[in-house]
Amino acid sequence: MNDDQLLRYSRHILLREIDVPGQQRILDARVLVIGAGGLGSPVLLYLAASGVGHITVCDDDHVDISNLQRQIVHHADAIGCNKAESAAATMRAINPGITVQVLAQRLSGSVLANQVAAASVVIDASDNFATRHAVNRACMAYRKPLVSGAAIGFDGQVTVFDLRSPDSPCYHCLYPDTGSSEEMRCAENGVFSPLVGMIGTVQAAEALKLICGVGESLNGRLLLLDALNMQWRSVRLQKDAACVVCGRQG
């Protein structure tokens, strides 16, 4: 770390759980963030500000005026631009010392596999079940920790699937892929704007903890938020022995 980095990240370094070695792990980390919308916005902002050395941001959508109510990584002059490109511009302005890779596409197949394989941590901030299940399968294949979040209306949830551990459940254990799940989209159902910030910042915090190897992660726990009544609830998750994705692993 150079003098500028020691100063920039001094408030992390002052935390004995992080200190210089932990901040160096953050600087050396590669994080794959899938989705640059409501959840992805706070995730990307905090990862960039915290100094994650290499962040890959993926999104094939474009910024719409209706996104600006909650997708705080985008500005009004980015309307019509690809979300990954818009987010990257904001992240680079916040922290020019990091590398931001843009993938203006929906990840699948070998591209998804290669990106997951290269990542230290994967963060799912997408808004559709097909992507979530594909990401989960790739993370299982390469034994990568997956930080998953969702938010709709006033309700949010966040968890970690630390697939480096043979005892960890996976996304398929929680939501089996039946091919018939109805999508809950913000466009049709609405979303309370601070909700995505609350869930997204938890996702960022869990990713940084995983990178630094500090504290207790949400692996094996599903954190549920009722923002209308401002109540958090924690539910234990268990590995499904019959899960077709992870049940036979380990």
Protein backbone atom coordinates (compact mmCIF):
# COMPACT_ATOMS: atom_id res chain seq x y z
CA MET A 1 0.00 0.00 0.00
CA ASN A 2 1.27 3.46 -0.84
CA ASP A 3 0.85 6.57 1.32
CA ASP A 4 -2.30 7.70 -0.49
CA GLN A 5 -3.94 4.31 0.07
CA LEU A 6 -2.93 4.28 3.74
CA LEU A 7 -4.68 7.63 4.15
CA ARG A 8 -7.73 6.82 2.01
CA TYR A 9 -8.43 3.56 3.84
CA SER A 10 -7.25 4.68 7.28
CA ARG A 11 -10.67 4.22 8.90
CA HIS A 12 -10.65 0.58 7.84
CA ILE A 13 -7.06 0.17 8.99
CA LEU A 14 -7.98 1.53 12.42
CA LEU A 15 -10.37 -1.41 12.88
CA ARG A 16 -8.31 -4.16 14.53
CA GLU A 17 -10.38 -6.81 12.70
CA ILE A 18 -9.26 -5.37 9.35
CA ASP A 19 -5.99 -3.46 9.90
CA VAL A 20 -3.41 -3.33 7.09
CA PRO A 21 -3.57 -7.04 6.17
CA GLY A 22 -7.37 -6.95 5.79
CA GLN A 23 -7.32 -3.82 3.67
CA GLN A 24 -4.63 -5.38 1.51
CA ARG A 25 -6.93 -8.37 0.96
CA ILE A 26 -9.64 -5.95 -0.13
CA LEU A 27 -7.25 -4.27 -2.56
CA ASP A 28 -6.25 -7.67 -3.96
CA ALA A 29 -9.83 -8.99 -4.27
CA ARG A 30 -11.89 -9.55 -7.41
CA VAL A 31 -15.65 -9.22 -6.95
CA LEU A 32 -18.25 -10.09 -9.57
CA VAL A 33 -21.46 -8.06 -9.21
CA ILE A 34 -24.40 -9.22 -11.29
CA GLY A 35 -26.91 -6.40 -11.66
CA ALA A 36 -26.42 -2.62 -11.51
CA GLY A 37 -29.96 -1.70 -10.46
CA GLY A 38 -31.49 -1.06 -7.06
CA LEU A 39 -29.48 -3.63 -5.11
CA GLY A 40 -26.38 -3.34 -7.24
CA SER A 41 -26.18 0.43 -6.77
CA PRO A 42 -25.22 0.49 -3.05
CA VAL A 43 -23.17 -2.68 -3.49
CA LEU A 44 -21.06 -1.11 -6.23
CA LEU A 45 -20.69 2.25 -4.48
CA TYR A 46 -19.46 0.71 -1.22
CA LEU A 47 -17.17 -1.82 -2.86
CA ALA A 48 -15.59 0.95 -4.92
CA ALA A 49 -15.22 3.28 -1.94
CA SER A 50 -13.78 0.45 0.16
CA GLY A 51 -11.05 -0.20 -2.39
CA VAL A 52 -11.92 -3.59 -3.86
CA GLY A 53 -9.16 -3.81 -6.43
CA HIS A 54 -11.06 -5.36 -9.32
CA ILE A 55 -14.84 -5.14 -9.69
CA THR A 56 -16.70 -6.65 -12.62
CA VAL A 57 -20.17 -5.19 -13.09
CA CYS A 58 -22.66 -6.94 -15.37
CA ASP A 59 -25.98 -5.64 -16.66
CA ASP A 60 -27.59 -5.63 -20.10
CA ASP A 61 -30.33 -3.11 -19.20
CA HIS A 62 -30.41 0.65 -19.82
CA VAL A 63 -31.10 3.49 -17.39
CA ASP A 64 -34.71 4.66 -17.40
CA ILE A 65 -36.11 7.71 -15.63
CA SER A 66 -38.15 5.42 -13.36
CA ASN A 67 -34.91 3.84 -12.10
CA LEU A 68 -33.65 7.07 -10.57
CA GLN A 69 -36.01 6.79 -7.59
CA ARG A 70 -33.82 4.04 -6.09
CA GLN A 71 -30.85 3.17 -8.33
CA ILE A 72 -28.49 5.70 -6.80
CA VAL A 73 -25.39 4.76 -8.79
CA HIS A 74 -27.01 6.38 -11.86
CA HIS A 75 -27.54 10.07 -12.56
CA ALA A 76 -30.13 11.85 -14.69
CA ASP A 77 -27.66 12.40 -17.53
CA ALA A 78 -27.20 8.61 -17.79
CA ILE A 79 -30.77 7.98 -18.97
CA GLY A 80 -30.58 5.76 -22.03
CA CYS A 81 -27.08 4.51 -21.21
CA ASN A 82 -26.22 0.93 -20.34
CA LYS A 83 -26.43 0.45 -16.57
CA ALA A 84 -23.07 -1.29 -16.25
CA GLU A 85 -21.36 1.54 -18.16
CA SER A 86 -23.17 4.19 -16.11
CA ALA A 87 -22.31 2.49 -12.82
CA ALA A 88 -18.66 2.11 -13.82
CA ALA A 89 -18.37 5.83 -14.54
CA THR A 90 -19.69 6.68 -11.08
CA MET A 91 -17.42 4.12 -9.40
CA ARG A 92 -14.32 5.41 -11.19
CA ALA A 93 -15.19 8.96 -10.11
CA ILE A 94 -15.45 7.81 -6.49
CA ASN A 95 -12.21 5.82 -6.57
CA PRO A 96 -9.87 6.17 -9.55
CA GLY A 97 -7.49 3.66 -7.95
CA ILE A 98 -9.62 0.59 -8.66
CA THR A 99 -10.17 -1.41 -11.83
CA VAL A 100 -13.76 -1.66 -13.05
CA GLN A 101 -14.59 -4.15 -15.78
CA VAL A 102 -17.88 -3.67 -17.63
CA LEU A 103 -19.91 -6.49 -19.13
CA ALA A 104 -22.95 -4.95 -20.81
CA GLN A 105 -24.68 -8.29 -21.17
CA ARG A 106 -26.65 -10.93 -19.31
CA LEU A 107 -24.12 -13.53 -18.25
CA SER A 108 -24.58 -17.14 -19.26
CA GLY A 109 -22.64 -20.17 -20.42
CA SER A 110 -18.86 -20.03 -20.61
CA VAL A 111 -18.73 -16.27 -19.98
CA LEU A 112 -20.54 -16.70 -16.68
CA ALA A 113 -18.37 -19.68 -15.76
CA ASN A 114 -15.14 -17.82 -16.50
CA GLN A 115 -16.19 -14.75 -14.53
CA VAL A 116 -17.24 -16.78 -11.50
CA ALA A 117 -14.04 -18.83 -11.63
CA ALA A 118 -11.94 -15.63 -11.50
CA ALA A 119 -13.88 -13.99 -8.64
CA SER A 120 -13.08 -13.95 -4.94
CA VAL A 121 -16.75 -13.32 -4.13
CA VAL A 122 -19.87 -13.22 -6.30
CA ILE A 123 -22.75 -10.86 -5.50
CA ASP A 124 -26.16 -11.57 -7.00
CA ALA A 125 -28.07 -8.30 -7.34
CA SER A 126 -30.16 -9.52 -10.28
CA ASP A 127 -33.95 -9.46 -10.57
CA ASN A 128 -34.87 -12.75 -12.20
CA PHE A 129 -34.87 -16.39 -11.13
CA ALA A 130 -33.20 -17.72 -14.27
CA THR A 131 -30.09 -15.62 -13.64
CA ARG A 132 -30.05 -16.41 -9.92
CA HIS A 133 -30.15 -20.14 -10.54
CA ALA A 134 -27.48 -19.96 -13.25
CA VAL A 135 -25.21 -17.95 -10.96
CA ASN A 136 -25.81 -20.39 -8.12
CA ARG A 137 -24.85 -23.36 -10.29
CA ALA A 138 -21.66 -21.64 -11.43
CA CYS A 139 -20.71 -20.71 -7.87
CA MET A 140 -21.32 -24.30 -6.80
CA ALA A 141 -19.14 -25.60 -9.63
CA TYR A 142 -16.22 -23.36 -8.67
CA ARG A 143 -16.85 -23.32 -4.90
CA LYS A 144 -17.21 -19.55 -4.71
CA PRO A 145 -19.04 -17.66 -1.93
CA LEU A 146 -22.29 -16.13 -3.18
CA VAL A 147 -23.98 -13.13 -1.54
CA SER A 148 -27.65 -13.06 -2.52
CA GLY A 149 -30.23 -10.33 -2.01
CA ALA A 150 -33.78 -9.51 -3.10
CA ALA A 151 -36.21 -6.65 -2.49
CA ILE A 152 -39.79 -5.91 -3.54
CA GLY A 153 -42.43 -3.65 -2.08
CA PHE A 154 -41.40 -3.12 1.55
CA ASP A 155 -39.87 -6.60 1.96
CA GLY A 156 -36.26 -7.60 1.53
CA GLN A 157 -34.01 -10.58 2.19
CA VAL A 158 -30.30 -11.27 2.14
CA THR A 159 -28.11 -14.30 2.78
CA VAL A 160 -24.73 -15.83 2.01
CA PHE A 161 -24.15 -19.19 0.40
CA ASP A 162 -20.52 -19.94 1.25
CA LEU A 163 -20.09 -22.75 -1.21
CA ARG A 164 -16.50 -23.31 -0.15
CA SER A 165 -18.04 -25.26 2.74
CA PRO A 166 -19.58 -28.69 2.02
CA ASP A 167 -22.20 -28.02 4.70
CA SER A 168 -23.48 -24.80 3.13
CA PRO A 169 -26.93 -24.69 1.55
CA CYS A 170 -27.20 -23.16 -1.91
CA TYR A 171 -29.80 -20.94 -3.59
CA HIS A 172 -31.54 -23.99 -5.03
CA CYS A 173 -32.01 -25.38 -1.48
CA LEU A 174 -33.95 -22.21 -0.62
CA TYR A 175 -35.79 -21.76 -3.93
CA PRO A 176 -35.90 -24.96 -6.01
CA ASP A 177 -35.79 -24.32 -9.74
CA THR A 178 -39.16 -25.64 -10.92
CA GLY A 179 -39.23 -23.53 -14.05
CA SER A 180 -42.63 -22.16 -13.06
CA SER A 181 -41.75 -19.49 -10.48
CA GLU A 182 -43.59 -16.21 -10.99
CA GLU A 183 -41.30 -13.22 -11.19
CA MET A 184 -41.88 -10.31 -8.81
CA ARG A 185 -40.60 -7.24 -10.62
CA CYS A 186 -40.35 -3.67 -9.34
CA ALA A 187 -41.93 -2.40 -12.56
CA GLU A 188 -45.17 -4.23 -11.78
CA ASN A 189 -45.13 -4.27 -7.98
CA GLY A 190 -43.21 -1.17 -6.87
CA VAL A 191 -40.41 -0.91 -4.34
CA PHE A 192 -39.71 1.38 -1.39
CA SER A 193 -36.57 3.25 -2.44
CA PRO A 194 -34.50 2.96 0.81
CA LEU A 195 -35.24 -0.77 0.99
CA VAL A 196 -32.83 -1.65 -1.82
CA GLY A 197 -30.18 0.47 -0.11
CA MET A 198 -30.63 -1.37 3.17
CA ILE A 199 -30.39 -4.80 1.56
CA GLY A 200 -27.61 -3.80 -0.82
CA THR A 201 -25.42 -2.36 1.93
CA VAL A 202 -25.78 -5.63 3.87
CA GLN A 203 -24.66 -7.47 0.73
CA ALA A 204 -21.62 -5.20 0.45
CA ALA A 205 -20.81 -5.69 4.14
CA GLU A 206 -21.03 -9.47 3.85
CA ALA A 207 -18.78 -9.47 0.79
CA LEU A 208 -16.13 -7.37 2.53
CA LYS A 209 -16.28 -9.62 5.62
CA LEU A 210 -15.78 -12.68 3.43
CA ILE A 211 -12.80 -11.06 1.71
CA CYS A 212 -11.19 -10.08 5.01
CA GLY A 213 -12.13 -13.31 6.75
CA VAL A 214 -13.65 -11.51 9.74
CA GLY A 215 -16.79 -11.91 11.82
CA GLU A 216 -19.66 -14.33 11.27
CA SER A 217 -21.25 -14.32 7.85
CA LEU A 218 -24.90 -14.91 6.97
CA ASN A 219 -24.05 -18.37 5.68
CA GLY A 220 -26.85 -20.65 6.88
CA ARG A 221 -29.05 -17.70 7.84
CA LEU A 222 -31.66 -15.80 5.86
CA LEU A 223 -32.10 -12.23 7.05
CA LEU A 224 -35.61 -10.90 6.35
CA LEU A 225 -36.57 -7.22 6.50
CA ASP A 226 -40.08 -5.81 6.83
CA ALA A 227 -39.31 -2.15 6.18
CA LEU A 228 -42.94 -1.06 6.59
CA ASN A 229 -42.79 -2.01 10.27
CA MET A 230 -38.97 -1.86 10.45
CA GLN A 231 -38.47 -5.36 11.72
CA TRP A 232 -35.57 -7.68 10.98
CA ARG A 233 -35.93 -11.44 11.37
CA SER A 234 -33.30 -14.17 11.03
CA VAL A 235 -34.22 -17.67 9.81
CA ARG A 236 -31.90 -20.66 9.85
CA LEU A 237 -31.21 -22.34 6.50
CA GLN A 238 -30.14 -25.94 6.10
CA LYS A 239 -28.61 -27.79 3.20
CA ASP A 240 -31.13 -29.93 1.33
CA ALA A 241 -29.61 -33.39 1.05
CA ALA A 242 -31.76 -34.01 -2.03
CA CYS A 243 -30.75 -30.74 -3.75
CA VAL A 244 -29.81 -31.46 -7.37
CA VAL A 245 -27.21 -28.67 -7.32
CA CYS A 246 -25.36 -29.18 -4.03
CA GLY A 247 -26.88 -32.23 -2.35
CA ARG A 248 -24.33 -34.70 -3.69
CA GLN A 249 -21.36 -32.36 -3.28
CA GLY A 250 -18.78 -32.64 -0.51
